[in-house]
Amino acid sequence: MLAMSPNQRKSFFEGNTMEDGRKERGVVDIRGQAAADKIKQDVYRLEEFRRGKRT
């Protein structure tokens, strides 16, 4: 997840609609909004840690 671009990460969480109209479900659809928010917070903390901003 940390290597994903912002667009890839958005697609991962929110899902993606294919050209033929089918929708790939994202984390929000599969696990729910609360779980997706928790994962986003964890990823944000990991990014901050990698940048050296340890809290």
PDB file of N, CA and C in Angstrom:
ATOM      1  N   MET A   1       0.811  -1.187   0.000  1.00  0.00           N
ATOM      2  CA  MET A   1       0.000   0.000   0.000  1.00  0.00           C
ATOM      3  C   MET A   1       0.856   1.253   0.000  1.00  0.00           C
ATOM      4  N   LEU A   2       1.990   1.204   0.667  1.00  0.00           N
ATOM      5  CA  LEU A   2       2.824   2.389   0.731  1.00  0.00           C
ATOM      6  C   LEU A   2       3.438   2.716  -0.621  1.00  0.00           C
ATOM      7  N   ALA A   3       3.571   1.723  -1.490  1.00  0.00           N
ATOM      8  CA  ALA A   3       4.160   1.944  -2.816  1.00  0.00           C
ATOM      9  C   ALA A   3       3.117   2.378  -3.844  1.00  0.00           C
ATOM     10  N   MET A   4       1.851   2.383  -3.471  1.00  0.00           N
ATOM     11  CA  MET A   4       0.786   2.759  -4.407  1.00  0.00           C
ATOM     12  C   MET A   4       0.770   4.263  -4.641  1.00  0.00           C
ATOM     13  N   SER A   5       0.391   4.644  -5.837  1.00  0.00           N
ATOM     14  CA  SER A   5       0.183   6.064  -6.126  1.00  0.00           C
ATOM     15  C   SER A   5      -1.120   6.495  -5.459  1.00  0.00           C
ATOM     16  N   PRO A   6      -1.337   7.793  -5.302  1.00  0.00           N
ATOM     17  CA  PRO A   6      -2.605   8.248  -4.710  1.00  0.00           C
ATOM     18  C   PRO A   6      -3.836   7.745  -5.465  1.00  0.00           C
ATOM     19  N   ASN A   7      -3.769   7.697  -6.790  1.00  0.00           N
ATOM     20  CA  ASN A   7      -4.910   7.195  -7.570  1.00  0.00           C
ATOM     21  C   ASN A   7      -5.137   5.707  -7.345  1.00  0.00           C
ATOM     22  N   GLN A   8      -4.057   4.942  -7.263  1.00  0.00           N
ATOM     23  CA  GLN A   8      -4.189   3.510  -6.998  1.00  0.00           C
ATOM     24  C   GLN A   8      -4.768   3.273  -5.613  1.00  0.00           C
ATOM     25  N   ARG A   9      -4.315   4.055  -4.658  1.00  0.00           N
ATOM     26  CA  ARG A   9      -4.810   3.903  -3.293  1.00  0.00           C
ATOM     27  C   ARG A   9      -6.294   4.238  -3.220  1.00  0.00           C
ATOM     28  N   LYS A  10      -6.714   5.314  -3.903  1.00  0.00           N
ATOM     29  CA  LYS A  10      -8.129   5.689  -3.930  1.00  0.00           C
ATOM     30  C   LYS A  10      -8.960   4.571  -4.540  1.00  0.00           C
ATOM     31  N   SER A  11      -8.484   4.008  -5.634  1.00  0.00           N
ATOM     32  CA  SER A  11      -9.182   2.902  -6.286  1.00  0.00           C
ATOM     33  C   SER A  11      -9.241   1.686  -5.368  1.00  0.00           C
ATOM     34  N   PHE A  12      -8.180   1.441  -4.626  1.00  0.00           N
ATOM     35  CA  PHE A  12      -8.131   0.313  -3.699  1.00  0.00           C
ATOM     36  C   PHE A  12      -9.199   0.446  -2.625  1.00  0.00           C
ATOM     37  N   PHE A  13      -9.366   1.647  -2.095  1.00  0.00           N
ATOM     38  CA  PHE A  13     -10.339   1.857  -1.030  1.00  0.00           C
ATOM     39  C   PHE A  13     -11.763   1.990  -1.550  1.00  0.00           C
ATOM     40  N   GLU A  14     -11.958   2.710  -2.638  1.00  0.00           N
ATOM     41  CA  GLU A  14     -13.310   3.017  -3.106  1.00  0.00           C
ATOM     42  C   GLU A  14     -13.809   2.094  -4.203  1.00  0.00           C
ATOM     43  N   GLY A  15     -12.942   1.303  -4.780  1.00  0.00           N
ATOM     44  CA  GLY A  15     -13.342   0.434  -5.878  1.00  0.00           C
ATOM     45  C   GLY A  15     -13.110   1.122  -7.212  1.00  0.00           C
ATOM     46  N   ASN A  16     -13.358   0.378  -8.269  1.00  0.00           N
ATOM     47  CA  ASN A  16     -13.084   0.885  -9.599  1.00  0.00           C
ATOM     48  C   ASN A  16     -14.122   0.316 -10.557  1.00  0.00           C
ATOM     49  N   THR A  17     -14.585   1.132 -11.483  1.00  0.00           N
ATOM     50  CA  THR A  17     -15.529   0.657 -12.488  1.00  0.00           C
ATOM     51  C   THR A  17     -14.758   0.342 -13.765  1.00  0.00           C
ATOM     52  N   MET A  18     -14.938  -0.858 -14.253  1.00  0.00           N
ATOM     53  CA  MET A  18     -14.251  -1.302 -15.465  1.00  0.00           C
ATOM     54  C   MET A  18     -14.928  -0.711 -16.696  1.00  0.00           C
ATOM     55  N   GLU A  19     -14.261  -0.815 -17.826  1.00  0.00           N
ATOM     56  CA  GLU A  19     -14.809  -0.287 -19.072  1.00  0.00           C
ATOM     57  C   GLU A  19     -16.109  -0.974 -19.477  1.00  0.00           C
ATOM     58  N   ASP A  20     -16.248  -2.235 -19.113  1.00  0.00           N
ATOM     59  CA  ASP A  20     -17.464  -2.967 -19.484  1.00  0.00           C
ATOM     60  C   ASP A  20     -18.603  -2.770 -18.474  1.00  0.00           C
ATOM     61  N   GLY A  21     -18.406  -1.865 -17.516  1.00  0.00           N
ATOM     62  CA  GLY A  21     -19.464  -1.534 -16.572  1.00  0.00           C
ATOM     63  C   GLY A  21     -19.418  -2.304 -15.264  1.00  0.00           C
ATOM     64  N   ARG A  22     -18.593  -3.334 -15.192  1.00  0.00           N
ATOM     65  CA  ARG A  22     -18.476  -4.076 -13.928  1.00  0.00           C
ATOM     66  C   ARG A  22     -17.706  -3.247 -12.916  1.00  0.00           C
ATOM     67  N   LYS A  23     -18.019  -3.448 -11.642  1.00  0.00           N
ATOM     68  CA  LYS A  23     -17.355  -2.689 -10.589  1.00  0.00           C
ATOM     69  C   LYS A  23     -16.507  -3.623  -9.746  1.00  0.00           C
ATOM     70  N   GLU A  24     -15.248  -3.244  -9.566  1.00  0.00           N
ATOM     71  CA  GLU A  24     -14.392  -3.938  -8.614  1.00  0.00           C
ATOM     72  C   GLU A  24     -14.670  -3.324  -7.251  1.00  0.00           C
ATOM     73  N   ARG A  25     -14.983  -4.158  -6.309  1.00  0.00           N
ATOM     74  CA  ARG A  25     -15.280  -3.644  -4.977  1.00  0.00           C
ATOM     75  C   ARG A  25     -13.998  -3.213  -4.286  1.00  0.00           C
ATOM     76  N   GLY A  26     -14.091  -2.137  -3.543  1.00  0.00           N
ATOM     77  CA  GLY A  26     -12.955  -1.647  -2.777  1.00  0.00           C
ATOM     78  C   GLY A  26     -13.064  -2.078  -1.326  1.00  0.00           C
ATOM     79  N   VAL A  27     -12.122  -1.649  -0.536  1.00  0.00           N
ATOM     80  CA  VAL A  27     -12.095  -2.003   0.882  1.00  0.00           C
ATOM     81  C   VAL A  27     -13.359  -1.521   1.586  1.00  0.00           C
ATOM     82  N   VAL A  28     -13.837  -0.338   1.230  1.00  0.00           N
ATOM     83  CA  VAL A  28     -15.040   0.201   1.877  1.00  0.00           C
ATOM     84  C   VAL A  28     -16.225  -0.731   1.629  1.00  0.00           C
ATOM     85  N   ASP A  29     -16.365  -1.224   0.404  1.00  0.00           N
ATOM     86  CA  ASP A  29     -17.473  -2.130   0.084  1.00  0.00           C
ATOM     87  C   ASP A  29     -17.324  -3.480   0.772  1.00  0.00           C
ATOM     88  N   ILE A  30     -16.104  -3.936   0.925  1.00  0.00           N
ATOM     89  CA  ILE A  30     -15.872  -5.271   1.476  1.00  0.00           C
ATOM     90  C   ILE A  30     -15.869  -5.264   3.006  1.00  0.00           C
ATOM     91  N   ARG A  31     -15.119  -4.330   3.601  1.00  0.00           N
ATOM     92  CA  ARG A  31     -14.938  -4.327   5.054  1.00  0.00           C
ATOM     93  C   ARG A  31     -15.777  -3.291   5.795  1.00  0.00           C
ATOM     94  N   GLY A  32     -16.284  -2.289   5.082  1.00  0.00           N
ATOM     95  CA  GLY A  32     -17.055  -1.238   5.723  1.00  0.00           C
ATOM     96  C   GLY A  32     -16.231   0.024   5.917  1.00  0.00           C
ATOM     97  N   GLN A  33     -16.925   1.132   6.125  1.00  0.00           N
ATOM     98  CA  GLN A  33     -16.261   2.437   6.225  1.00  0.00           C
ATOM     99  C   GLN A  33     -15.350   2.537   7.435  1.00  0.00           C
ATOM    100  N   ALA A  34     -15.772   2.008   8.571  1.00  0.00           N
ATOM    101  CA  ALA A  34     -14.962   2.113   9.793  1.00  0.00           C
ATOM    102  C   ALA A  34     -13.634   1.388   9.631  1.00  0.00           C
ATOM    103  N   ALA A  35     -13.656   0.201   9.049  1.00  0.00           N
ATOM    104  CA  ALA A  35     -12.423  -0.554   8.840  1.00  0.00           C
ATOM    105  C   ALA A  35     -11.524   0.147   7.830  1.00  0.00           C
ATOM    106  N   ALA A  36     -12.108   0.705   6.783  1.00  0.00           N
ATOM    107  CA  ALA A  36     -11.320   1.428   5.787  1.00  0.00           C
ATOM    108  C   ALA A  36     -10.660   2.650   6.408  1.00  0.00           C
ATOM    109  N   ASP A  37     -11.373   3.359   7.265  1.00  0.00           N
ATOM    110  CA  ASP A  37     -10.793   4.519   7.933  1.00  0.00           C
ATOM    111  C   ASP A  37      -9.631   4.118   8.833  1.00  0.00           C
ATOM    112  N   LYS A  38      -9.764   3.004   9.518  1.00  0.00           N
ATOM    113  CA  LYS A  38      -8.685   2.513  10.386  1.00  0.00           C
ATOM    114  C   LYS A  38      -7.460   2.163   9.556  1.00  0.00           C
ATOM    115  N   ILE A  39      -7.654   1.517   8.422  1.00  0.00           N
ATOM    116  CA  ILE A  39      -6.531   1.161   7.552  1.00  0.00           C
ATOM    117  C   ILE A  39      -5.858   2.427   7.023  1.00  0.00           C
ATOM    118  N   LYS A  40      -6.650   3.416   6.620  1.00  0.00           N
ATOM    119  CA  LYS A  40      -6.088   4.681   6.125  1.00  0.00           C
ATOM    120  C   LYS A  40      -5.260   5.361   7.207  1.00  0.00           C
ATOM    121  N   GLN A  41      -5.739   5.341   8.445  1.00  0.00           N
ATOM    122  CA  GLN A  41      -4.979   5.937   9.545  1.00  0.00           C
ATOM    123  C   GLN A  41      -3.660   5.209   9.752  1.00  0.00           C
ATOM    124  N   ASP A  42      -3.689   3.888   9.690  1.00  0.00           N
ATOM    125  CA  ASP A  42      -2.464   3.104   9.845  1.00  0.00           C
ATOM    126  C   ASP A  42      -1.471   3.403   8.736  1.00  0.00           C
ATOM    127  N   VAL A  43      -1.961   3.505   7.507  1.00  0.00           N
ATOM    128  CA  VAL A  43      -1.082   3.814   6.375  1.00  0.00           C
ATOM    129  C   VAL A  43      -0.478   5.200   6.545  1.00  0.00           C
ATOM    130  N   TYR A  44      -1.291   6.165   6.978  1.00  0.00           N
ATOM    131  CA  TYR A  44      -0.785   7.522   7.205  1.00  0.00           C
ATOM    132  C   TYR A  44       0.321   7.505   8.259  1.00  0.00           C
ATOM    133  N   ARG A  45       0.106   6.775   9.349  1.00  0.00           N
ATOM    134  CA  ARG A  45       1.129   6.689  10.397  1.00  0.00           C
ATOM    135  C   ARG A  45       2.404   6.055   9.872  1.00  0.00           C
ATOM    136  N   LEU A  46       2.278   5.012   9.051  1.00  0.00           N
ATOM    137  CA  LEU A  46       3.459   4.374   8.476  1.00  0.00           C
ATOM    138  C   LEU A  46       4.207   5.324   7.544  1.00  0.00           C
ATOM    139  N   GLU A  47       3.471   6.096   6.751  1.00  0.00           N
ATOM    140  CA  GLU A  47       4.114   7.070   5.867  1.00  0.00           C
ATOM    141  C   GLU A  47       4.877   8.116   6.675  1.00  0.00           C
ATOM    142  N   GLU A  48       4.275   8.598   7.740  1.00  0.00           N
ATOM    143  CA  GLU A  48       4.938   9.578   8.593  1.00  0.00           C
ATOM    144  C   GLU A  48       6.191   8.982   9.225  1.00  0.00           C
ATOM    145  N   PHE A  49       6.103   7.738   9.644  1.00  0.00           N
ATOM    146  CA  PHE A  49       7.247   7.067  10.242  1.00  0.00           C
ATOM    147  C   PHE A  49       8.383   6.936   9.222  1.00  0.00           C
ATOM    148  N   ARG A  50       8.030   6.572   7.984  1.00  0.00           N
ATOM    149  CA  ARG A  50       9.039   6.431   6.925  1.00  0.00           C
ATOM    150  C   ARG A  50       9.701   7.757   6.608  1.00  0.00           C
ATOM    151  N   ARG A  51       8.972   8.852   6.740  1.00  0.00           N
ATOM    152  CA  ARG A  51       9.535  10.173   6.473  1.00  0.00           C
ATOM    153  C   ARG A  51      10.405  10.667   7.631  1.00  0.00           C
ATOM    154  N   GLY A  52      10.346   9.973   8.737  1.00  0.00           N
ATOM    155  CA  GLY A  52      11.167  10.355   9.875  1.00  0.00           C
ATOM    156  C   GLY A  52      10.467  11.223  10.889  1.00  0.00           C
ATOM    157  N   LYS A  53       9.169  11.416  10.728  1.00  0.00           N
ATOM    158  CA  LYS A  53       8.395  12.229  11.674  1.00  0.00           C
ATOM    159  C   LYS A  53       7.777  11.315  12.724  1.00  0.00           C
ATOM    160  N   ARG A  54       8.601  10.820  13.591  1.00  0.00           N
ATOM    161  CA  ARG A  54       8.119   9.888  14.609  1.00  0.00           C
ATOM    162  C   ARG A  54       7.452  10.645  15.729  1.00  0.00           C
ATOM    163  N   THR A  55       6.249  10.170  16.081  1.00  0.00           N
ATOM    164  CA  THR A  55       5.514  10.832  17.164  1.00  0.00           C
ATOM    165  C   THR A  55       5.361   9.918  18.339  1.00  0.00           C
TER     166      THR A  55
END
